[in-house]
N, C-alpha and C. Protein backbone atom coordinates (compact mmCIF):
# COMPACT_ATOMS: atom_id res chain seq x y z
N UNK A 1 111.56 55.52 84.83
CA UNK A 1 113.00 55.46 84.65
C UNK A 1 113.29 55.33 83.15
N UNK A 2 114.10 56.26 82.63
CA UNK A 2 114.45 56.25 81.21
C UNK A 2 115.59 55.27 80.95
N UNK A 3 115.53 54.68 79.76
CA UNK A 3 116.63 53.84 79.35
C UNK A 3 117.76 54.74 78.85
N UNK A 4 118.96 54.22 78.86
CA UNK A 4 120.11 54.99 78.42
C UNK A 4 119.94 55.44 76.98
N UNK A 5 119.38 54.58 76.13
CA UNK A 5 119.17 54.94 74.73
C UNK A 5 118.23 56.14 74.61
N UNK A 6 117.22 56.23 75.48
CA UNK A 6 116.31 57.38 75.47
C UNK A 6 117.05 58.66 75.81
N UNK A 7 117.96 58.58 76.75
CA UNK A 7 118.75 59.75 77.14
C UNK A 7 119.68 60.16 76.01
N UNK A 8 120.26 59.18 75.32
CA UNK A 8 121.14 59.49 74.19
C UNK A 8 120.36 60.23 73.10
N UNK A 9 119.15 59.78 72.81
CA UNK A 9 118.32 60.45 71.80
C UNK A 9 118.07 61.91 72.21
N UNK A 10 117.73 62.13 73.47
CA UNK A 10 117.50 63.49 73.97
C UNK A 10 118.73 64.37 73.79
N UNK A 11 119.88 63.86 74.20
CA UNK A 11 121.12 64.63 74.12
C UNK A 11 121.48 64.94 72.67
N UNK A 12 121.33 63.97 71.78
CA UNK A 12 121.66 64.20 70.38
C UNK A 12 120.75 65.25 69.77
N UNK A 13 119.47 65.21 70.09
CA UNK A 13 118.55 66.21 69.56
C UNK A 13 118.82 67.60 70.12
N UNK A 14 119.11 67.68 71.42
CA UNK A 14 119.40 68.97 72.05
C UNK A 14 120.67 69.61 71.49
N UNK A 15 121.67 68.80 71.20
CA UNK A 15 122.95 69.32 70.72
C UNK A 15 123.04 69.33 69.20
N UNK A 16 121.99 68.89 68.53
CA UNK A 16 121.93 68.87 67.07
C UNK A 16 123.06 68.05 66.46
N UNK A 17 123.27 66.87 67.02
CA UNK A 17 124.27 65.93 66.52
C UNK A 17 123.57 64.75 65.86
N UNK A 18 124.11 64.26 64.74
CA UNK A 18 123.48 63.13 64.06
C UNK A 18 123.75 61.79 64.72
N UNK A 19 124.82 61.71 65.51
CA UNK A 19 125.17 60.44 66.12
C UNK A 19 126.25 60.61 67.18
N UNK A 20 126.69 59.48 67.71
CA UNK A 20 127.69 59.48 68.77
C UNK A 20 128.63 58.31 68.56
N UNK A 21 129.88 58.50 68.96
CA UNK A 21 130.87 57.43 68.86
C UNK A 21 131.83 57.54 70.03
N UNK A 22 132.62 56.52 70.20
CA UNK A 22 133.62 56.52 71.25
C UNK A 22 134.56 57.69 71.00
N UNK A 23 134.81 58.47 72.04
CA UNK A 23 135.65 59.65 71.89
C UNK A 23 134.85 60.94 71.93
N UNK A 24 133.53 60.86 71.84
CA UNK A 24 132.67 62.03 71.98
C UNK A 24 132.45 62.27 73.47
N UNK A 25 133.50 62.68 74.15
CA UNK A 25 133.48 62.78 75.61
C UNK A 25 132.37 63.68 76.13
N UNK A 26 132.19 64.84 75.51
CA UNK A 26 131.18 65.77 76.00
C UNK A 26 129.79 65.17 75.92
N UNK A 27 129.45 64.58 74.77
CA UNK A 27 128.13 63.98 74.61
C UNK A 27 127.93 62.79 75.54
N UNK A 28 128.91 61.92 75.60
CA UNK A 28 128.78 60.71 76.43
C UNK A 28 128.71 61.05 77.92
N UNK A 29 129.45 62.07 78.33
CA UNK A 29 129.37 62.47 79.74
C UNK A 29 128.04 63.16 80.06
N UNK A 30 127.47 63.87 79.08
CA UNK A 30 126.14 64.44 79.29
C UNK A 30 125.12 63.33 79.53
N UNK A 31 125.24 62.26 78.77
CA UNK A 31 124.34 61.12 78.94
C UNK A 31 124.54 60.50 80.32
N UNK A 32 125.79 60.28 80.70
CA UNK A 32 126.08 59.65 81.99
C UNK A 32 125.56 60.49 83.16
N UNK A 33 125.69 61.81 83.05
CA UNK A 33 125.21 62.69 84.12
C UNK A 33 123.69 62.63 84.27
N UNK A 34 122.99 62.45 83.16
CA UNK A 34 121.53 62.38 83.20
C UNK A 34 121.01 61.01 83.61
N UNK A 35 121.84 59.99 83.46
CA UNK A 35 121.43 58.63 83.82
C UNK A 35 121.63 58.43 85.31
N UNK A 36 120.85 59.16 86.10
CA UNK A 36 121.02 59.14 87.55
C UNK A 36 120.62 57.81 88.18
N UNK A 37 119.89 56.99 87.42
CA UNK A 37 119.48 55.68 87.94
C UNK A 37 120.59 54.64 87.80
N UNK A 38 121.76 55.06 87.27
CA UNK A 38 122.89 54.15 87.09
C UNK A 38 124.07 54.66 87.90
N UNK A 39 125.15 53.90 87.89
CA UNK A 39 126.38 54.35 88.53
C UNK A 39 127.45 54.67 87.48
N UNK A 40 127.03 55.13 86.31
CA UNK A 40 127.96 55.39 85.22
C UNK A 40 129.01 56.44 85.59
N UNK A 41 128.62 57.47 86.30
CA UNK A 41 129.57 58.53 86.63
C UNK A 41 130.64 58.07 87.62
N UNK A 42 130.43 56.94 88.27
CA UNK A 42 131.43 56.38 89.19
C UNK A 42 132.49 55.57 88.46
N UNK A 43 132.27 55.30 87.20
CA UNK A 43 133.18 54.45 86.43
C UNK A 43 134.27 55.28 85.75
N UNK A 44 135.35 54.61 85.39
CA UNK A 44 136.42 55.21 84.59
C UNK A 44 135.81 55.63 83.25
N UNK A 45 136.21 56.79 82.69
CA UNK A 45 135.56 57.29 81.47
C UNK A 45 135.47 56.29 80.32
N UNK A 46 136.51 55.51 80.08
CA UNK A 46 136.47 54.56 78.97
C UNK A 46 135.41 53.48 79.21
N UNK A 47 135.28 53.04 80.45
CA UNK A 47 134.28 52.04 80.81
C UNK A 47 132.89 52.65 80.68
N UNK A 48 132.72 53.84 81.21
CA UNK A 48 131.43 54.54 81.17
C UNK A 48 130.97 54.74 79.72
N UNK A 49 131.87 55.18 78.86
CA UNK A 49 131.50 55.44 77.46
C UNK A 49 131.20 54.15 76.71
N UNK A 50 131.95 53.10 76.97
CA UNK A 50 131.69 51.80 76.34
C UNK A 50 130.32 51.26 76.74
N UNK A 51 129.96 51.42 78.00
CA UNK A 51 128.66 50.92 78.47
C UNK A 51 127.50 51.69 77.83
N UNK A 52 127.69 52.98 77.62
CA UNK A 52 126.64 53.76 76.96
C UNK A 52 126.47 53.29 75.53
N UNK A 53 127.58 53.11 74.82
CA UNK A 53 127.50 52.64 73.43
C UNK A 53 126.94 51.21 73.36
N UNK A 54 127.28 50.38 74.33
CA UNK A 54 126.73 49.02 74.38
C UNK A 54 125.21 49.05 74.52
N UNK A 55 124.70 50.05 75.23
CA UNK A 55 123.25 50.16 75.42
C UNK A 55 122.52 50.52 74.13
N UNK A 56 123.25 51.01 73.13
CA UNK A 56 122.64 51.38 71.85
C UNK A 56 122.64 50.23 70.84
N UNK A 57 123.33 49.16 71.15
CA UNK A 57 123.53 48.05 70.22
C UNK A 57 122.24 47.52 69.60
N UNK A 58 121.22 47.26 70.37
CA UNK A 58 120.02 46.64 69.82
C UNK A 58 118.87 47.60 69.60
N UNK A 59 119.09 48.88 69.80
CA UNK A 59 118.01 49.86 69.69
C UNK A 59 117.72 50.17 68.24
N UNK A 60 116.45 50.09 67.86
CA UNK A 60 116.03 50.28 66.47
C UNK A 60 116.16 51.72 66.01
N UNK A 61 116.27 52.66 66.93
CA UNK A 61 116.37 54.07 66.55
C UNK A 61 117.75 54.45 66.04
N UNK A 62 118.73 53.53 66.23
CA UNK A 62 120.10 53.82 65.86
C UNK A 62 120.58 52.88 64.76
N UNK A 63 121.39 53.43 63.88
CA UNK A 63 122.05 52.62 62.86
C UNK A 63 123.52 52.53 63.25
N UNK A 64 124.00 51.31 63.38
CA UNK A 64 125.38 51.09 63.79
C UNK A 64 126.27 51.15 62.55
N UNK A 65 127.33 51.95 62.66
CA UNK A 65 128.29 52.07 61.58
C UNK A 65 129.69 51.91 62.17
N UNK A 66 130.64 51.78 61.30
CA UNK A 66 132.03 51.68 61.74
C UNK A 66 132.86 52.70 60.98
N UNK A 67 133.83 53.26 61.65
CA UNK A 67 134.76 54.18 61.01
C UNK A 67 136.17 53.81 61.43
N UNK A 68 137.09 54.03 60.54
CA UNK A 68 138.49 53.71 60.83
C UNK A 68 139.21 55.02 61.13
N UNK A 69 139.86 55.04 62.31
CA UNK A 69 140.57 56.24 62.74
C UNK A 69 141.91 55.86 63.35
N UNK A 70 142.88 56.78 63.26
CA UNK A 70 144.17 56.47 63.90
C UNK A 70 144.03 56.45 65.40
N UNK A 71 144.72 55.54 66.01
CA UNK A 71 144.69 55.40 67.46
C UNK A 71 146.06 55.03 67.98
N UNK A 72 146.11 54.64 69.22
CA UNK A 72 147.38 54.27 69.85
C UNK A 72 148.00 53.08 69.13
N UNK A 73 147.16 52.16 68.70
CA UNK A 73 147.65 50.93 68.05
C UNK A 73 147.55 51.01 66.53
N UNK A 74 147.68 52.19 65.95
CA UNK A 74 147.55 52.35 64.51
C UNK A 74 146.10 52.61 64.14
N UNK A 75 145.73 52.31 62.92
CA UNK A 75 144.35 52.51 62.50
C UNK A 75 143.44 51.51 63.20
N UNK A 76 142.43 52.05 63.86
CA UNK A 76 141.50 51.21 64.61
C UNK A 76 140.09 51.42 64.07
N UNK A 77 139.24 50.43 64.26
CA UNK A 77 137.84 50.53 63.87
C UNK A 77 137.03 50.92 65.09
N UNK A 78 136.23 51.97 64.95
CA UNK A 78 135.42 52.49 66.04
C UNK A 78 133.95 52.38 65.69
N UNK A 79 133.14 52.05 66.70
CA UNK A 79 131.69 52.01 66.51
C UNK A 79 131.15 53.43 66.49
N UNK A 80 130.14 53.62 65.66
CA UNK A 80 129.49 54.92 65.55
C UNK A 80 128.00 54.65 65.41
N UNK A 81 127.19 55.28 66.23
CA UNK A 81 125.75 55.09 66.20
C UNK A 81 125.08 56.38 65.72
N UNK A 82 124.34 56.27 64.64
CA UNK A 82 123.66 57.43 64.07
C UNK A 82 122.16 57.25 64.23
N UNK A 83 121.48 58.34 64.59
CA UNK A 83 120.02 58.29 64.65
C UNK A 83 119.47 58.02 63.26
N UNK A 84 118.58 57.07 63.14
CA UNK A 84 118.03 56.72 61.83
C UNK A 84 117.29 57.87 61.17
N UNK A 85 116.61 58.69 61.94
CA UNK A 85 115.86 59.80 61.36
C UNK A 85 116.78 60.88 60.83
N UNK A 86 118.00 60.96 61.32
CA UNK A 86 118.90 62.04 60.90
C UNK A 86 119.58 61.76 59.57
N UNK A 87 119.58 60.51 59.10
CA UNK A 87 120.28 60.24 57.86
C UNK A 87 119.34 60.17 56.66
N UNK A 88 118.08 60.53 56.84
CA UNK A 88 117.14 60.56 55.73
C UNK A 88 117.06 61.98 55.20
N UNK A 89 117.78 62.24 54.12
CA UNK A 89 117.82 63.58 53.55
C UNK A 89 117.10 63.58 52.20
N UNK A 90 116.46 64.68 51.93
CA UNK A 90 115.79 64.80 50.65
C UNK A 90 116.80 65.02 49.54
N UNK A 91 116.60 64.33 48.45
CA UNK A 91 117.50 64.46 47.30
C UNK A 91 116.75 65.19 46.21
N UNK A 92 117.33 66.28 45.73
CA UNK A 92 116.68 67.03 44.66
C UNK A 92 117.41 66.78 43.36
N UNK A 93 116.65 66.64 42.30
CA UNK A 93 117.24 66.44 40.97
C UNK A 93 117.59 67.80 40.38
N UNK A 94 118.81 67.94 39.93
CA UNK A 94 119.23 69.24 39.36
C UNK A 94 119.32 69.16 37.87
C-alpha cells in the first residue's frame, strides 16, 4: 500500500510539475483517484485536497512554502509543496 506522499510524487513526475498547492484540482484529484486504499474520493473536494496536502507536511521529499494569493477573504496565504529535487537548478556563470 502506497502512502499518499508517494502517489503525489508519481503524479508530479508524470505531469512534469514542480509542486502542488491548494487549488490544483486536476493534480489533487489525480492523487485522490489513485489512493484507492483511502476514502478521499468520497469527501468534499476542499476536504479531500486539504487531507492530501496534510499528508505532505512531514515528508522529507517536499519543501513547504507559502504564497499569498487573492481569495474570497482578500489576500490569503496558501501552502505550496515543492519537490526538493525539482528546485535544484544548475547556475552558470556568464
